[in-house]
């Protein structure tokens, strides 16, 4: 089961200050609306900075995306991932509608309370 591109989604208090800090670490903005969130990349590391959107930091996986924001032609659909997680006994908080195709997401929490988001944009 391939979960897709991994990133950490950080809940930040001040988007501009956080962006400036991560730019000093060598990250560059690759996406976002600049008002509520930005996606930043440094080599093979991706972080998302989200102001006022999440309570906690989130481990995020994006099936079908590449490090540079491109789209893969062949990837594991989030609904297939969801079915595998259910088979393995993982409790899901939010689920994708299995009768649909395209963009959808699944959420869960690990044993330590860390939120995990599998977010398919395609």
N, C-alpha and C. Protein backbone atom coordinates (compact mmCIF):
# COMPACT_ATOMS: atom_id res chain seq x y z
N UNK A 1 0.86 -1.17 0.00
CA UNK A 1 0.00 0.00 0.00
C UNK A 1 0.90 1.23 0.00
N UNK A 2 0.79 2.04 -1.03
CA UNK A 2 1.58 3.27 -1.15
C UNK A 2 0.68 4.44 -0.75
N UNK A 3 1.05 5.12 0.34
CA UNK A 3 0.24 6.23 0.85
C UNK A 3 0.46 7.54 0.09
N UNK A 4 1.50 7.59 -0.72
CA UNK A 4 1.77 8.80 -1.49
C UNK A 4 2.78 9.70 -0.82
N UNK A 5 2.88 10.90 -1.33
CA UNK A 5 3.85 11.89 -0.87
C UNK A 5 3.58 12.24 0.60
N UNK A 6 4.64 12.24 1.42
CA UNK A 6 4.50 12.57 2.84
C UNK A 6 4.88 14.01 3.09
N UNK A 7 4.12 14.66 3.96
CA UNK A 7 4.48 15.99 4.47
C UNK A 7 3.96 16.13 5.88
N UNK A 8 4.48 17.10 6.57
CA UNK A 8 3.96 17.45 7.88
C UNK A 8 3.18 18.74 7.74
N UNK A 9 1.94 18.75 8.17
CA UNK A 9 1.11 19.95 8.15
C UNK A 9 1.18 20.58 9.53
N UNK A 10 1.77 21.76 9.60
CA UNK A 10 1.98 22.43 10.88
C UNK A 10 0.90 23.48 11.13
N UNK A 11 0.29 23.42 12.30
CA UNK A 11 -0.66 24.43 12.74
C UNK A 11 0.15 25.60 13.29
N UNK A 12 0.16 26.74 12.58
CA UNK A 12 0.99 27.87 12.98
C UNK A 12 0.13 29.03 13.46
N UNK A 13 0.72 29.86 14.30
CA UNK A 13 0.01 31.03 14.85
C UNK A 13 0.14 32.26 13.96
N UNK A 14 1.27 32.37 13.27
CA UNK A 14 1.54 33.54 12.42
C UNK A 14 2.19 33.03 11.14
N UNK A 15 1.41 32.96 10.07
CA UNK A 15 1.88 32.38 8.82
C UNK A 15 3.11 33.10 8.29
N UNK A 16 3.11 34.42 8.30
CA UNK A 16 4.25 35.17 7.76
C UNK A 16 5.53 34.89 8.55
N UNK A 17 5.42 34.86 9.88
CA UNK A 17 6.60 34.59 10.70
C UNK A 17 7.11 33.17 10.48
N UNK A 18 6.20 32.21 10.40
CA UNK A 18 6.60 30.82 10.18
C UNK A 18 7.21 30.65 8.80
N UNK A 19 6.62 31.27 7.80
CA UNK A 19 7.17 31.19 6.44
C UNK A 19 8.59 31.75 6.42
N UNK A 20 8.79 32.92 7.02
CA UNK A 20 10.12 33.54 7.05
C UNK A 20 11.13 32.63 7.75
N UNK A 21 10.73 32.00 8.84
CA UNK A 21 11.61 31.08 9.57
C UNK A 21 12.02 29.91 8.68
N UNK A 22 11.05 29.26 8.05
CA UNK A 22 11.37 28.09 7.23
C UNK A 22 12.13 28.46 5.96
N UNK A 23 11.92 29.67 5.45
CA UNK A 23 12.73 30.13 4.31
C UNK A 23 14.19 30.25 4.73
N UNK A 24 14.45 30.67 5.96
CA UNK A 24 15.83 30.75 6.46
C UNK A 24 16.47 29.38 6.57
N UNK A 25 15.63 28.33 6.72
CA UNK A 25 16.14 26.96 6.76
C UNK A 25 16.32 26.38 5.35
N UNK A 26 15.97 27.15 4.33
CA UNK A 26 16.16 26.71 2.96
C UNK A 26 14.91 26.22 2.26
N UNK A 27 13.75 26.31 2.90
CA UNK A 27 12.50 25.91 2.26
C UNK A 27 12.05 27.00 1.29
N UNK A 28 11.34 26.58 0.24
CA UNK A 28 10.76 27.53 -0.71
C UNK A 28 9.28 27.22 -0.88
N UNK A 29 8.50 28.25 -1.08
CA UNK A 29 7.05 28.08 -1.27
C UNK A 29 6.78 27.51 -2.65
N UNK A 30 5.95 26.45 -2.70
CA UNK A 30 5.58 25.85 -3.99
C UNK A 30 4.08 25.94 -4.25
N UNK A 31 3.29 26.23 -3.24
CA UNK A 31 1.83 26.32 -3.41
C UNK A 31 1.24 27.03 -2.20
N UNK A 32 -0.05 27.35 -2.30
CA UNK A 32 -0.76 27.96 -1.18
C UNK A 32 -1.42 29.25 -1.57
N UNK A 33 -2.26 29.74 -0.67
CA UNK A 33 -2.96 30.99 -0.95
C UNK A 33 -2.29 32.20 -0.30
N UNK A 34 -1.19 31.98 0.42
CA UNK A 34 -0.38 33.02 1.07
C UNK A 34 -1.11 33.73 2.20
N UNK A 35 -2.41 33.51 2.36
CA UNK A 35 -3.17 34.13 3.43
C UNK A 35 -3.44 33.16 4.58
N UNK A 36 -3.78 31.91 4.22
CA UNK A 36 -4.12 30.90 5.22
C UNK A 36 -3.14 29.76 5.28
N UNK A 37 -2.48 29.47 4.14
CA UNK A 37 -1.54 28.35 4.12
C UNK A 37 -0.53 28.48 2.99
N UNK A 38 0.62 27.85 3.18
CA UNK A 38 1.62 27.68 2.13
C UNK A 38 2.18 26.27 2.24
N UNK A 39 2.58 25.73 1.10
CA UNK A 39 3.29 24.46 1.04
C UNK A 39 4.72 24.80 0.69
N UNK A 40 5.66 24.23 1.44
CA UNK A 40 7.07 24.55 1.25
C UNK A 40 7.89 23.28 1.07
N UNK A 41 8.95 23.39 0.26
CA UNK A 41 9.79 22.24 -0.05
C UNK A 41 11.25 22.60 0.16
N UNK A 42 12.00 21.64 0.70
CA UNK A 42 13.45 21.74 0.81
C UNK A 42 13.98 20.35 0.45
N UNK A 43 14.53 20.21 -0.74
CA UNK A 43 14.98 18.89 -1.19
C UNK A 43 13.80 17.95 -1.31
N UNK A 44 13.85 16.85 -0.56
CA UNK A 44 12.77 15.87 -0.57
C UNK A 44 11.82 16.03 0.63
N UNK A 45 11.93 17.15 1.34
CA UNK A 45 11.12 17.39 2.53
C UNK A 45 10.02 18.41 2.20
N UNK A 46 8.79 18.06 2.55
CA UNK A 46 7.64 18.93 2.31
C UNK A 46 6.97 19.24 3.63
N UNK A 47 6.68 20.52 3.86
CA UNK A 47 5.89 20.94 5.01
C UNK A 47 4.77 21.85 4.51
N UNK A 48 3.66 21.83 5.22
CA UNK A 48 2.58 22.77 4.98
C UNK A 48 2.42 23.61 6.23
N UNK A 49 2.30 24.91 6.06
CA UNK A 49 2.07 25.82 7.18
C UNK A 49 0.63 26.30 7.07
N UNK A 50 -0.17 26.05 8.10
CA UNK A 50 -1.60 26.34 8.07
C UNK A 50 -1.97 27.21 9.27
N UNK A 51 -2.41 28.42 9.00
CA UNK A 51 -2.82 29.33 10.08
C UNK A 51 -4.33 29.27 10.27
N UNK A 52 -4.76 28.91 11.49
CA UNK A 52 -6.16 28.91 11.83
C UNK A 52 -6.99 27.81 11.18
N UNK A 53 -6.36 26.79 10.65
CA UNK A 53 -7.10 25.75 9.94
C UNK A 53 -7.16 24.44 10.72
N UNK A 54 -6.15 24.16 11.54
CA UNK A 54 -6.08 22.91 12.30
C UNK A 54 -5.72 23.20 13.74
N UNK A 55 -6.18 22.35 14.65
CA UNK A 55 -5.81 22.46 16.07
C UNK A 55 -4.39 21.98 16.33
N UNK A 56 -4.04 20.86 15.68
CA UNK A 56 -2.77 20.20 15.93
C UNK A 56 -2.02 19.99 14.62
N UNK A 57 -0.72 19.70 14.75
CA UNK A 57 0.06 19.30 13.59
C UNK A 57 -0.49 17.97 13.08
N UNK A 58 -0.38 17.74 11.77
CA UNK A 58 -0.95 16.54 11.16
C UNK A 58 0.09 15.88 10.26
N UNK A 59 0.19 14.56 10.37
CA UNK A 59 0.98 13.78 9.42
C UNK A 59 0.12 13.65 8.18
N UNK A 60 0.62 14.05 7.03
CA UNK A 60 -0.19 14.12 5.82
C UNK A 60 0.43 13.28 4.70
N UNK A 61 -0.42 12.54 4.00
CA UNK A 61 -0.02 11.76 2.84
C UNK A 61 -0.90 12.16 1.68
N UNK A 62 -0.31 12.33 0.50
CA UNK A 62 -1.06 12.74 -0.69
C UNK A 62 -0.84 11.76 -1.84
N UNK A 63 -1.76 10.78 -1.99
CA UNK A 63 -1.66 9.87 -3.12
C UNK A 63 -1.73 10.64 -4.44
N UNK A 64 -0.84 10.29 -5.37
CA UNK A 64 -0.90 10.88 -6.70
C UNK A 64 -0.09 12.14 -6.89
N UNK A 65 0.51 12.68 -5.83
CA UNK A 65 1.30 13.91 -5.98
C UNK A 65 2.79 13.60 -5.98
N UNK A 66 3.55 14.48 -6.66
CA UNK A 66 5.00 14.39 -6.65
C UNK A 66 5.57 15.52 -5.81
N UNK A 67 6.84 15.42 -5.48
CA UNK A 67 7.50 16.41 -4.63
C UNK A 67 7.41 17.82 -5.21
N UNK A 68 7.36 17.93 -6.54
CA UNK A 68 7.30 19.25 -7.18
C UNK A 68 5.87 19.72 -7.47
N UNK A 69 4.88 19.00 -6.92
CA UNK A 69 3.49 19.39 -7.11
C UNK A 69 2.85 18.82 -8.35
N UNK A 70 3.58 17.97 -9.06
CA UNK A 70 3.02 17.33 -10.24
C UNK A 70 2.12 16.17 -9.86
N UNK A 71 1.51 15.58 -10.86
CA UNK A 71 0.57 14.47 -10.64
C UNK A 71 1.10 13.19 -11.28
N UNK A 72 0.96 12.10 -10.55
CA UNK A 72 1.33 10.78 -11.07
C UNK A 72 0.17 10.19 -11.85
N UNK A 73 0.48 9.47 -12.91
CA UNK A 73 -0.56 8.78 -13.68
C UNK A 73 -1.02 7.52 -12.97
N UNK A 74 -0.09 6.87 -12.26
CA UNK A 74 -0.39 5.59 -11.61
C UNK A 74 -0.13 5.73 -10.11
N UNK A 75 -1.18 5.59 -9.30
CA UNK A 75 -1.04 5.68 -7.85
C UNK A 75 -2.18 4.91 -7.19
N UNK A 76 -2.02 4.63 -5.90
CA UNK A 76 -3.05 3.91 -5.15
C UNK A 76 -4.14 4.89 -4.73
N UNK A 77 -5.35 4.66 -5.18
CA UNK A 77 -6.48 5.52 -4.86
C UNK A 77 -6.78 5.48 -3.37
N UNK A 78 -7.19 6.61 -2.82
CA UNK A 78 -7.48 6.71 -1.39
C UNK A 78 -8.56 5.72 -0.95
N UNK A 79 -9.48 5.37 -1.83
CA UNK A 79 -10.52 4.41 -1.47
C UNK A 79 -9.95 3.00 -1.30
N UNK A 80 -8.95 2.67 -2.11
CA UNK A 80 -8.26 1.39 -1.97
C UNK A 80 -7.44 1.38 -0.66
N UNK A 81 -6.80 2.49 -0.36
CA UNK A 81 -6.06 2.62 0.90
C UNK A 81 -7.03 2.45 2.07
N UNK A 82 -8.18 3.11 1.98
CA UNK A 82 -9.20 3.03 3.02
C UNK A 82 -9.63 1.57 3.25
N UNK A 83 -9.88 0.83 2.19
CA UNK A 83 -10.30 -0.57 2.31
C UNK A 83 -9.22 -1.39 3.00
N UNK A 84 -7.96 -1.16 2.65
CA UNK A 84 -6.86 -1.89 3.27
C UNK A 84 -6.75 -1.55 4.76
N UNK A 85 -6.90 -0.27 5.09
CA UNK A 85 -6.83 0.15 6.49
C UNK A 85 -7.94 -0.52 7.30
N UNK A 86 -9.14 -0.54 6.76
CA UNK A 86 -10.25 -1.20 7.45
C UNK A 86 -9.98 -2.68 7.65
N UNK A 87 -9.46 -3.35 6.60
CA UNK A 87 -9.11 -4.77 6.71
C UNK A 87 -8.09 -5.02 7.82
N UNK A 88 -7.23 -4.05 8.03
CA UNK A 88 -6.17 -4.17 9.05
C UNK A 88 -6.63 -3.71 10.43
N UNK A 89 -7.89 -3.34 10.54
CA UNK A 89 -8.45 -2.97 11.84
C UNK A 89 -8.17 -1.55 12.29
N UNK A 90 -7.83 -0.67 11.36
CA UNK A 90 -7.59 0.73 11.70
C UNK A 90 -8.93 1.46 11.80
N UNK A 91 -9.16 2.15 12.90
CA UNK A 91 -10.38 2.94 13.06
C UNK A 91 -10.23 4.26 12.32
N UNK A 92 -11.14 4.53 11.40
CA UNK A 92 -11.12 5.75 10.61
C UNK A 92 -12.11 6.76 11.18
N UNK A 93 -11.69 8.01 11.24
CA UNK A 93 -12.55 9.07 11.75
C UNK A 93 -13.40 9.65 10.63
N UNK A 94 -12.77 9.97 9.52
CA UNK A 94 -13.48 10.42 8.32
C UNK A 94 -13.14 9.45 7.21
N UNK A 95 -14.11 9.17 6.34
CA UNK A 95 -13.89 8.21 5.27
C UNK A 95 -14.28 8.81 3.92
N UNK A 96 -13.73 8.21 2.88
CA UNK A 96 -14.07 8.59 1.51
C UNK A 96 -15.30 7.80 1.08
N UNK A 97 -16.13 8.42 0.28
CA UNK A 97 -17.31 7.76 -0.28
C UNK A 97 -16.82 6.80 -1.36
N UNK A 98 -17.00 5.52 -1.13
CA UNK A 98 -16.48 4.51 -2.05
C UNK A 98 -17.23 4.46 -3.37
N UNK A 99 -18.35 5.13 -3.48
CA UNK A 99 -19.10 5.15 -4.74
C UNK A 99 -18.62 6.26 -5.67
N UNK A 100 -17.64 7.06 -5.22
CA UNK A 100 -17.14 8.17 -6.02
C UNK A 100 -15.74 7.88 -6.53
N UNK A 101 -15.25 8.78 -7.37
CA UNK A 101 -13.87 8.75 -7.84
C UNK A 101 -13.30 10.14 -7.66
N UNK A 102 -11.99 10.26 -7.81
CA UNK A 102 -11.36 11.57 -7.73
C UNK A 102 -11.01 11.98 -6.32
N UNK A 103 -11.00 13.28 -6.09
CA UNK A 103 -10.56 13.84 -4.82
C UNK A 103 -11.38 13.31 -3.65
N UNK A 104 -10.68 12.96 -2.58
CA UNK A 104 -11.32 12.47 -1.35
C UNK A 104 -10.24 12.36 -0.28
N UNK A 105 -10.68 12.19 0.96
CA UNK A 105 -9.70 12.04 2.04
C UNK A 105 -10.18 11.07 3.10
N UNK A 106 -9.23 10.62 3.90
CA UNK A 106 -9.46 9.71 5.02
C UNK A 106 -8.67 10.27 6.19
N UNK A 107 -9.26 10.22 7.39
CA UNK A 107 -8.51 10.66 8.58
C UNK A 107 -8.56 9.58 9.65
N UNK A 108 -7.53 9.59 10.48
CA UNK A 108 -7.41 8.67 11.60
C UNK A 108 -6.50 9.31 12.63
N UNK A 109 -6.38 8.65 13.78
CA UNK A 109 -5.49 9.11 14.84
C UNK A 109 -4.64 7.93 15.27
N UNK A 110 -3.33 8.16 15.43
CA UNK A 110 -2.47 7.06 15.86
C UNK A 110 -2.64 6.84 17.37
N UNK A 111 -2.04 5.79 17.93
CA UNK A 111 -2.23 5.48 19.35
C UNK A 111 -1.82 6.59 20.31
N UNK A 112 -0.98 7.52 19.84
CA UNK A 112 -0.54 8.63 20.70
C UNK A 112 -1.33 9.90 20.48
N UNK A 113 -2.40 9.81 19.68
CA UNK A 113 -3.25 10.98 19.46
C UNK A 113 -2.83 11.88 18.32
N UNK A 114 -1.86 11.44 17.52
CA UNK A 114 -1.41 12.24 16.38
C UNK A 114 -2.37 12.06 15.21
N UNK A 115 -2.92 13.16 14.71
CA UNK A 115 -3.83 13.06 13.56
C UNK A 115 -3.06 12.69 12.29
N UNK A 116 -3.69 11.85 11.47
CA UNK A 116 -3.13 11.46 10.18
C UNK A 116 -4.19 11.71 9.12
N UNK A 117 -3.78 12.38 8.04
CA UNK A 117 -4.66 12.71 6.93
C UNK A 117 -4.10 12.09 5.65
N UNK A 118 -4.93 11.34 4.96
CA UNK A 118 -4.58 10.86 3.62
C UNK A 118 -5.51 11.63 2.68
N UNK A 119 -4.91 12.58 1.95
CA UNK A 119 -5.67 13.57 1.17
C UNK A 119 -5.32 13.46 -0.31
N UNK A 120 -6.26 12.93 -1.07
CA UNK A 120 -6.06 12.76 -2.51
C UNK A 120 -6.70 13.92 -3.24
N UNK A 121 -5.93 14.66 -4.01
CA UNK A 121 -6.42 15.84 -4.73
C UNK A 121 -6.99 15.51 -6.09
N UNK A 122 -6.64 14.33 -6.64
CA UNK A 122 -6.97 13.99 -8.02
C UNK A 122 -8.20 13.12 -8.11
